[in-house]
Amino acid sequence: MCYHVINRGNARHEVVHKEGDYEAFVKLMSDADARLPMRVIAYCLMPNHFHLLLETGQIPLSKVMLRLLTGYAVSHNLRHRRKGHLFQNRYKSILCQEDTYLLELVRYIHLNPLRAKLVADTDALVKKSQRSKKK
């Protein structure tokens, strides 16, 4: 099953501050992708929230998210010498069953930084994406 998963920082605060935070989140996602029967189809990490498009196998989405969000929150709090909740609430998930919705969702997720004006145009978005893949 495919799910669009969304979560926001506690009180809308940032959950990724530096390049190391992005790398830590992506590493946790790729570790989960390798160890669990699930697949990351698309993702977007924004400073104060994220969007994931995940395909789960036999394991429930809740177990995937528990591993990912707890692992990230613990490592984030250690890196930034902070305590307490990192995320505002439980994640929100939407089941994606139709191919047409799935295609539109991938577009929505990938264009999120452009709509938020974090990048100037699609060329800058592509360059930023390519830089993050090289790391």
N, C-alpha and C. Protein backbone atom coordinates (compact mmCIF):
# COMPACT_ATOMS: atom_id res chain seq x y z
N MET A 1 0.83 -1.18 0.00
CA MET A 1 0.00 0.00 0.00
C MET A 1 0.88 1.24 0.00
N CYS A 2 0.44 2.28 -0.69
CA CYS A 2 1.18 3.54 -0.74
C CYS A 2 0.51 4.56 0.17
N TYR A 3 1.34 5.30 0.90
CA TYR A 3 0.85 6.32 1.81
C TYR A 3 1.58 7.63 1.60
N HIS A 4 0.83 8.72 1.63
CA HIS A 4 1.41 10.06 1.70
C HIS A 4 1.45 10.40 3.18
N VAL A 5 2.65 10.57 3.71
CA VAL A 5 2.85 10.82 5.13
C VAL A 5 3.36 12.25 5.31
N ILE A 6 2.75 12.96 6.24
CA ILE A 6 3.10 14.35 6.50
C ILE A 6 3.28 14.53 8.00
N ASN A 7 4.29 15.29 8.39
CA ASN A 7 4.43 15.66 9.79
C ASN A 7 5.10 17.02 9.87
N ARG A 8 4.84 17.71 10.96
CA ARG A 8 5.30 19.08 11.14
C ARG A 8 6.03 19.18 12.48
N GLY A 9 6.95 20.14 12.55
CA GLY A 9 7.68 20.38 13.79
C GLY A 9 6.76 20.88 14.89
N ASN A 10 7.12 20.56 16.11
CA ASN A 10 6.34 21.00 17.27
C ASN A 10 6.24 22.53 17.25
N ALA A 11 5.03 23.05 17.39
CA ALA A 11 4.75 24.48 17.34
C ALA A 11 5.25 25.09 16.03
N ARG A 12 5.30 24.27 14.98
CA ARG A 12 5.76 24.67 13.64
C ARG A 12 7.22 25.10 13.62
N HIS A 13 7.98 24.67 14.62
CA HIS A 13 9.42 24.96 14.64
C HIS A 13 10.14 24.06 13.65
N GLU A 14 11.36 24.45 13.33
CA GLU A 14 12.15 23.68 12.37
C GLU A 14 12.51 22.30 12.92
N VAL A 15 12.47 21.32 12.04
CA VAL A 15 12.91 19.97 12.38
C VAL A 15 14.23 19.63 11.69
N VAL A 16 14.57 20.41 10.67
CA VAL A 16 15.88 20.29 10.02
C VAL A 16 16.48 21.70 9.97
N HIS A 17 17.64 21.86 10.60
CA HIS A 17 18.28 23.17 10.70
C HIS A 17 19.47 23.28 9.76
N LYS A 18 20.24 22.22 9.69
CA LYS A 18 21.51 22.24 8.96
C LYS A 18 21.57 21.08 7.99
N GLU A 19 22.59 21.10 7.16
CA GLU A 19 22.79 20.02 6.19
C GLU A 19 22.88 18.66 6.89
N GLY A 20 23.51 18.61 8.05
CA GLY A 20 23.63 17.36 8.80
C GLY A 20 22.28 16.77 9.20
N ASP A 21 21.30 17.64 9.44
CA ASP A 21 19.97 17.17 9.79
C ASP A 21 19.31 16.49 8.60
N TYR A 22 19.44 17.11 7.42
CA TYR A 22 18.89 16.51 6.21
C TYR A 22 19.53 15.14 5.96
N GLU A 23 20.85 15.10 6.10
CA GLU A 23 21.57 13.85 5.86
C GLU A 23 21.16 12.77 6.85
N ALA A 24 20.96 13.14 8.12
CA ALA A 24 20.55 12.16 9.14
C ALA A 24 19.17 11.60 8.82
N PHE A 25 18.24 12.46 8.41
CA PHE A 25 16.89 12.00 8.08
C PHE A 25 16.92 11.06 6.87
N VAL A 26 17.65 11.46 5.84
CA VAL A 26 17.74 10.64 4.63
C VAL A 26 18.42 9.31 4.94
N LYS A 27 19.44 9.31 5.79
CA LYS A 27 20.11 8.05 6.15
C LYS A 27 19.14 7.12 6.88
N LEU A 28 18.37 7.65 7.81
CA LEU A 28 17.37 6.83 8.50
C LEU A 28 16.35 6.26 7.53
N MET A 29 15.93 7.08 6.56
CA MET A 29 14.98 6.59 5.55
C MET A 29 15.59 5.47 4.73
N SER A 30 16.84 5.66 4.29
CA SER A 30 17.46 4.63 3.45
C SER A 30 17.75 3.37 4.25
N ASP A 31 18.09 3.50 5.54
CA ASP A 31 18.28 2.32 6.40
C ASP A 31 16.98 1.55 6.55
N ALA A 32 15.89 2.29 6.77
CA ALA A 32 14.57 1.64 6.90
C ALA A 32 14.19 0.97 5.59
N ASP A 33 14.49 1.64 4.48
CA ASP A 33 14.19 1.11 3.15
C ASP A 33 14.95 -0.20 2.93
N ALA A 34 16.17 -0.29 3.44
CA ALA A 34 16.99 -1.49 3.25
C ALA A 34 16.59 -2.62 4.20
N ARG A 35 16.16 -2.27 5.40
CA ARG A 35 15.91 -3.29 6.44
C ARG A 35 14.47 -3.75 6.54
N LEU A 36 13.55 -2.91 6.12
CA LEU A 36 12.13 -3.23 6.27
C LEU A 36 11.50 -3.48 4.91
N PRO A 37 10.40 -4.23 4.89
CA PRO A 37 9.70 -4.44 3.61
C PRO A 37 8.88 -3.20 3.23
N MET A 38 9.60 -2.12 2.88
CA MET A 38 8.95 -0.88 2.47
C MET A 38 9.86 -0.19 1.47
N ARG A 39 9.30 0.82 0.78
CA ARG A 39 10.08 1.54 -0.23
C ARG A 39 9.70 3.01 -0.18
N VAL A 40 10.72 3.87 -0.21
CA VAL A 40 10.50 5.31 -0.29
C VAL A 40 10.37 5.65 -1.77
N ILE A 41 9.22 6.17 -2.17
CA ILE A 41 8.98 6.52 -3.57
C ILE A 41 9.36 7.98 -3.82
N ALA A 42 8.99 8.86 -2.92
CA ALA A 42 9.31 10.29 -3.06
C ALA A 42 9.34 10.90 -1.66
N TYR A 43 10.13 11.96 -1.52
CA TYR A 43 10.14 12.66 -0.24
C TYR A 43 10.55 14.10 -0.45
N CYS A 44 10.19 14.93 0.52
CA CYS A 44 10.59 16.33 0.53
C CYS A 44 10.76 16.73 1.99
N LEU A 45 11.96 17.16 2.33
CA LEU A 45 12.23 17.64 3.69
C LEU A 45 12.27 19.16 3.66
N MET A 46 11.32 19.76 4.31
CA MET A 46 11.26 21.21 4.41
C MET A 46 11.78 21.59 5.80
N PRO A 47 12.12 22.84 6.02
CA PRO A 47 12.65 23.18 7.35
C PRO A 47 11.73 22.80 8.51
N ASN A 48 10.41 23.00 8.37
CA ASN A 48 9.53 22.72 9.50
C ASN A 48 8.55 21.56 9.30
N HIS A 49 8.65 20.86 8.19
CA HIS A 49 7.78 19.70 7.97
C HIS A 49 8.36 18.81 6.89
N PHE A 50 7.73 17.66 6.70
CA PHE A 50 8.17 16.77 5.62
C PHE A 50 6.98 16.10 4.97
N HIS A 51 7.21 15.64 3.74
CA HIS A 51 6.25 14.82 2.99
C HIS A 51 6.99 13.57 2.56
N LEU A 52 6.39 12.42 2.77
CA LEU A 52 6.94 11.16 2.30
C LEU A 52 5.87 10.43 1.51
N LEU A 53 6.30 9.74 0.48
CA LEU A 53 5.43 8.82 -0.23
C LEU A 53 6.07 7.45 -0.06
N LEU A 54 5.43 6.60 0.73
CA LEU A 54 5.98 5.31 1.10
C LEU A 54 5.09 4.18 0.61
N GLU A 55 5.74 3.11 0.19
CA GLU A 55 5.03 1.88 -0.13
C GLU A 55 5.41 0.87 0.93
N THR A 56 4.42 0.39 1.66
CA THR A 56 4.70 -0.58 2.73
C THR A 56 4.38 -1.98 2.25
N GLY A 57 5.07 -2.93 2.81
CA GLY A 57 4.81 -4.33 2.50
C GLY A 57 4.00 -4.93 3.63
N GLN A 58 4.55 -5.95 4.25
CA GLN A 58 3.86 -6.67 5.32
C GLN A 58 3.84 -5.88 6.63
N ILE A 59 4.81 -5.00 6.81
CA ILE A 59 4.92 -4.26 8.07
C ILE A 59 3.94 -3.07 8.06
N PRO A 60 3.27 -2.82 9.17
CA PRO A 60 2.34 -1.68 9.22
C PRO A 60 3.09 -0.35 9.14
N LEU A 61 2.45 0.63 8.56
CA LEU A 61 3.03 1.97 8.45
C LEU A 61 3.45 2.50 9.82
N SER A 62 2.67 2.22 10.83
CA SER A 62 2.96 2.73 12.18
C SER A 62 4.33 2.28 12.67
N LYS A 63 4.72 1.06 12.35
CA LYS A 63 6.05 0.57 12.78
C LYS A 63 7.17 1.26 12.00
N VAL A 64 6.96 1.50 10.72
CA VAL A 64 7.95 2.21 9.91
C VAL A 64 8.13 3.61 10.46
N MET A 65 7.03 4.30 10.72
CA MET A 65 7.10 5.67 11.20
C MET A 65 7.66 5.76 12.61
N LEU A 66 7.35 4.80 13.45
CA LEU A 66 7.90 4.77 14.80
C LEU A 66 9.42 4.72 14.73
N ARG A 67 9.92 3.84 13.91
CA ARG A 67 11.37 3.69 13.77
C ARG A 67 12.02 4.95 13.20
N LEU A 68 11.42 5.50 12.17
CA LEU A 68 11.97 6.68 11.51
C LEU A 68 11.89 7.91 12.41
N LEU A 69 10.72 8.21 12.93
CA LEU A 69 10.54 9.45 13.69
C LEU A 69 11.23 9.41 15.05
N THR A 70 11.20 8.27 15.72
CA THR A 70 11.90 8.17 17.00
C THR A 70 13.40 8.27 16.79
N GLY A 71 13.89 7.55 15.79
CA GLY A 71 15.33 7.59 15.50
C GLY A 71 15.78 9.00 15.15
N TYR A 72 15.01 9.69 14.34
CA TYR A 72 15.40 11.05 13.96
C TYR A 72 15.30 12.00 15.14
N ALA A 73 14.23 11.93 15.91
CA ALA A 73 14.04 12.84 17.04
C ALA A 73 15.17 12.68 18.07
N VAL A 74 15.54 11.44 18.36
CA VAL A 74 16.61 11.20 19.33
C VAL A 74 17.93 11.76 18.80
N SER A 75 18.27 11.45 17.55
CA SER A 75 19.54 11.94 17.01
C SER A 75 19.53 13.47 16.87
N HIS A 76 18.41 14.04 16.47
CA HIS A 76 18.29 15.50 16.36
C HIS A 76 18.49 16.16 17.71
N ASN A 77 17.81 15.65 18.73
CA ASN A 77 17.92 16.24 20.06
C ASN A 77 19.35 16.13 20.60
N LEU A 78 20.03 15.02 20.33
CA LEU A 78 21.42 14.89 20.76
C LEU A 78 22.32 15.88 20.02
N ARG A 79 22.15 15.99 18.70
CA ARG A 79 22.97 16.90 17.90
C ARG A 79 22.80 18.36 18.33
N HIS A 80 21.57 18.72 18.69
CA HIS A 80 21.28 20.13 19.00
C HIS A 80 21.16 20.39 20.50
N ARG A 81 21.53 19.40 21.30
CA ARG A 81 21.50 19.52 22.78
C ARG A 81 20.16 20.08 23.26
N ARG A 82 19.10 19.42 22.81
CA ARG A 82 17.77 19.85 23.23
C ARG A 82 17.00 18.65 23.78
N LYS A 83 15.90 18.93 24.44
CA LYS A 83 15.05 17.88 24.99
C LYS A 83 13.62 18.16 24.59
N GLY A 84 12.80 17.12 24.66
CA GLY A 84 11.38 17.30 24.41
C GLY A 84 10.94 16.83 23.04
N HIS A 85 9.69 17.08 22.77
CA HIS A 85 9.07 16.65 21.51
C HIS A 85 9.64 17.43 20.34
N LEU A 86 9.95 16.74 19.27
CA LEU A 86 10.40 17.39 18.04
C LEU A 86 9.22 17.62 17.11
N PHE A 87 8.32 16.65 17.04
CA PHE A 87 7.19 16.74 16.12
C PHE A 87 5.93 17.17 16.86
N GLN A 88 5.08 17.89 16.14
CA GLN A 88 3.89 18.49 16.73
C GLN A 88 2.88 17.46 17.20
N ASN A 89 2.55 16.54 16.37
CA ASN A 89 1.54 15.52 16.67
C ASN A 89 1.97 14.23 16.00
N ARG A 90 1.09 13.25 16.08
CA ARG A 90 1.31 12.04 15.31
C ARG A 90 1.28 12.43 13.83
N TYR A 91 2.02 11.71 13.04
CA TYR A 91 2.04 11.99 11.60
C TYR A 91 0.64 11.81 11.01
N LYS A 92 0.43 12.45 9.88
CA LYS A 92 -0.82 12.29 9.13
C LYS A 92 -0.51 11.40 7.94
N SER A 93 -1.36 10.44 7.65
CA SER A 93 -1.13 9.58 6.48
C SER A 93 -2.41 9.48 5.66
N ILE A 94 -2.20 9.47 4.34
CA ILE A 94 -3.31 9.36 3.40
C ILE A 94 -3.01 8.18 2.48
N LEU A 95 -3.91 7.24 2.41
CA LEU A 95 -3.75 6.08 1.55
C LEU A 95 -3.91 6.50 0.09
N CYS A 96 -2.99 6.09 -0.75
CA CYS A 96 -3.00 6.44 -2.17
C CYS A 96 -3.27 5.18 -2.98
N GLN A 97 -4.42 5.10 -3.60
CA GLN A 97 -4.78 3.88 -4.31
C GLN A 97 -4.86 4.04 -5.82
N GLU A 98 -4.97 5.26 -6.32
CA GLU A 98 -5.14 5.45 -7.76
C GLU A 98 -3.86 5.97 -8.39
N ASP A 99 -3.49 5.44 -9.55
CA ASP A 99 -2.26 5.84 -10.23
C ASP A 99 -2.26 7.32 -10.59
N THR A 100 -3.41 7.85 -10.99
CA THR A 100 -3.45 9.27 -11.37
C THR A 100 -3.16 10.15 -10.15
N TYR A 101 -3.69 9.79 -8.99
CA TYR A 101 -3.42 10.54 -7.76
C TYR A 101 -1.96 10.40 -7.38
N LEU A 102 -1.41 9.20 -7.55
CA LEU A 102 -0.01 8.94 -7.21
C LEU A 102 0.92 9.83 -8.03
N LEU A 103 0.68 9.96 -9.32
CA LEU A 103 1.51 10.81 -10.17
C LEU A 103 1.41 12.27 -9.75
N GLU A 104 0.22 12.73 -9.47
CA GLU A 104 0.04 14.11 -9.03
C GLU A 104 0.71 14.35 -7.68
N LEU A 105 0.66 13.36 -6.81
CA LEU A 105 1.27 13.46 -5.50
C LEU A 105 2.80 13.55 -5.58
N VAL A 106 3.41 12.78 -6.45
CA VAL A 106 4.85 12.85 -6.66
C VAL A 106 5.23 14.26 -7.11
N ARG A 107 4.48 14.81 -8.03
CA ARG A 107 4.71 16.18 -8.51
C ARG A 107 4.56 17.18 -7.36
N TYR A 108 3.50 17.04 -6.58
CA TYR A 108 3.25 17.93 -5.45
C TYR A 108 4.41 17.89 -4.45
N ILE A 109 4.85 16.69 -4.10
CA ILE A 109 5.93 16.54 -3.13
C ILE A 109 7.21 17.18 -3.64
N HIS A 110 7.58 16.89 -4.88
CA HIS A 110 8.85 17.39 -5.40
C HIS A 110 8.84 18.90 -5.65
N LEU A 111 7.68 19.49 -5.91
CA LEU A 111 7.61 20.93 -6.16
C LEU A 111 7.37 21.76 -4.89
N ASN A 112 7.25 21.10 -3.76
CA ASN A 112 6.97 21.79 -2.50
C ASN A 112 7.99 22.89 -2.19
N PRO A 113 9.29 22.68 -2.32
CA PRO A 113 10.25 23.76 -2.04
C PRO A 113 10.09 24.96 -2.97
N LEU A 114 9.69 24.72 -4.19
CA LEU A 114 9.47 25.81 -5.14
C LEU A 114 8.27 26.66 -4.72
N ARG A 115 7.19 26.00 -4.35
CA ARG A 115 5.99 26.72 -3.90
C ARG A 115 6.26 27.51 -2.62
N ALA A 116 7.13 26.98 -1.76
CA ALA A 116 7.47 27.66 -0.50
C ALA A 116 8.55 28.73 -0.70
N LYS A 117 8.99 28.90 -1.94
CA LYS A 117 10.01 29.88 -2.30
C LYS A 117 11.36 29.63 -1.61
N LEU A 118 11.67 28.36 -1.39
CA LEU A 118 12.98 27.99 -0.85
C LEU A 118 14.02 27.88 -1.95
N VAL A 119 13.54 27.73 -3.18
CA VAL A 119 14.40 27.76 -4.37
C VAL A 119 13.75 28.71 -5.37
N ALA A 120 14.58 29.29 -6.24
CA ALA A 120 14.09 30.33 -7.15
C ALA A 120 13.26 29.78 -8.31
N ASP A 121 13.69 28.64 -8.85
CA ASP A 121 13.00 28.09 -10.02
C ASP A 121 13.27 26.59 -10.12
N THR A 122 12.71 25.96 -11.13
CA THR A 122 12.87 24.50 -11.26
C THR A 122 14.32 24.10 -11.51
N ASP A 123 15.10 24.96 -12.18
CA ASP A 123 16.52 24.65 -12.39
C ASP A 123 17.26 24.56 -11.05
N ALA A 124 16.98 25.50 -10.16
CA ALA A 124 17.60 25.49 -8.83
C ALA A 124 17.14 24.28 -8.03
N LEU A 125 15.89 23.91 -8.21
CA LEU A 125 15.35 22.73 -7.52
C LEU A 125 16.07 21.47 -7.98
N VAL A 126 16.29 21.34 -9.28
CA VAL A 126 16.99 20.18 -9.83
C VAL A 126 18.44 20.15 -9.34
N LYS A 127 19.11 21.29 -9.34
CA LYS A 127 20.50 21.35 -8.89
C LYS A 127 20.62 20.96 -7.43
N LYS A 128 19.70 21.46 -6.60
CA LYS A 128 19.72 21.12 -5.17
C LYS A 128 19.48 19.62 -4.98
N SER A 129 18.57 19.07 -5.74
CA SER A 129 18.28 17.64 -5.67
C SER A 129 19.50 16.81 -6.08
N GLN A 130 20.18 17.22 -7.13
CA GLN A 130 21.36 16.49 -7.60
C GLN A 130 22.49 16.57 -6.59
N ARG A 131 22.66 17.73 -5.92
CA ARG A 131 23.70 17.86 -4.90
C ARG A 131 23.43 16.93 -3.73
N SER A 132 22.17 16.82 -3.33
CA SER A 132 21.84 15.97 -2.18
C SER A 132 22.01 14.49 -2.53
N LYS A 133 21.84 14.11 -3.78
CA LYS A 133 22.02 12.72 -4.18
C LYS A 133 23.48 12.31 -4.19
N LYS A 134 24.40 13.26 -4.43
CA LYS A 134 25.82 12.96 -4.48
C LYS A 134 26.41 12.68 -3.11
N LYS A 135 25.75 13.16 -2.05
CA LYS A 135 26.30 13.02 -0.69
C LYS A 135 26.13 11.65 -0.14
